[in-house]
Amino acid sequence: MVCEVSTVGDAVVFAAPELELAMAYLVVKPLTETVEVREGHLRATPAVPEIVHSLQELCKADVSAILLDIKESLLHMGWLVEGTKDVVKMRRSRRTGVAGFITVEYDKAARTMSITTTQRCLTDFLKGLGFNVSDSRYFLEATRRVSSLVEALELEERISQALC
C-alpha cells in the first residue's frame, strides 16, 4: 500500500500501512481536535497546514526511520517495545491506587491485548470494552482481540483514564 495524504473539507485524511498509520496517529493526536482511525485511514480535524505537511513528510520517510521514531515515541510514553524490524510486542506497567498495579501488553503477532491488574473494580469497565475478564481474589486478567497498533494505543489510553 502506498501512503497518501489528502484534505476533505476541514479534515486531513491519511492512508498508509499500519506502521506509518501508527506514527501518524502519534504525531497528529496532540495537535488536533478529533482523530478517527478506521480500516487503514486516519482522519483528523482541523486540517492545519503544518499537520498536512508533517504527514506528507512521513510518507517520504524510510520505513526504518519510521520504526525508530515510533519506538522512541512509545518509549517516551512509558511503553517497553520488542522487535527489530517491526513493533512485535509492547508492554506498559504503572502503579494504581495505594499499592496496586496495572500491566497492559499488546502482542501484534497474535493481535491480542492482555491486562493484569490489582484494580478489580475495573471488571465491568473492561467487559464494556469487549475484554474477556477472569477475576481472582487479588487481581484480574483480561484479554481481547485488537486489530491494530493504533487500536491498542487508543484502548490503553481509555483504560488509563478509567477511575474506580
Foldseek 3Di string as FASTA:
>chain_A
DAWDWDDDVQKIKIADPQLLVQLLCLVCVVPFDDWDDDDRMIITGGPDVVSSVVSVVSRVDDLQVSQVVVCVSVVVVAWDFDDDNHGQKIKHKDADDDGKIKMWMAGQVQQKIKMKIQPPVCVVVVVVVVWDWDDDDRIIMTMDHHNGPNSSVVVVVVVVPDDD
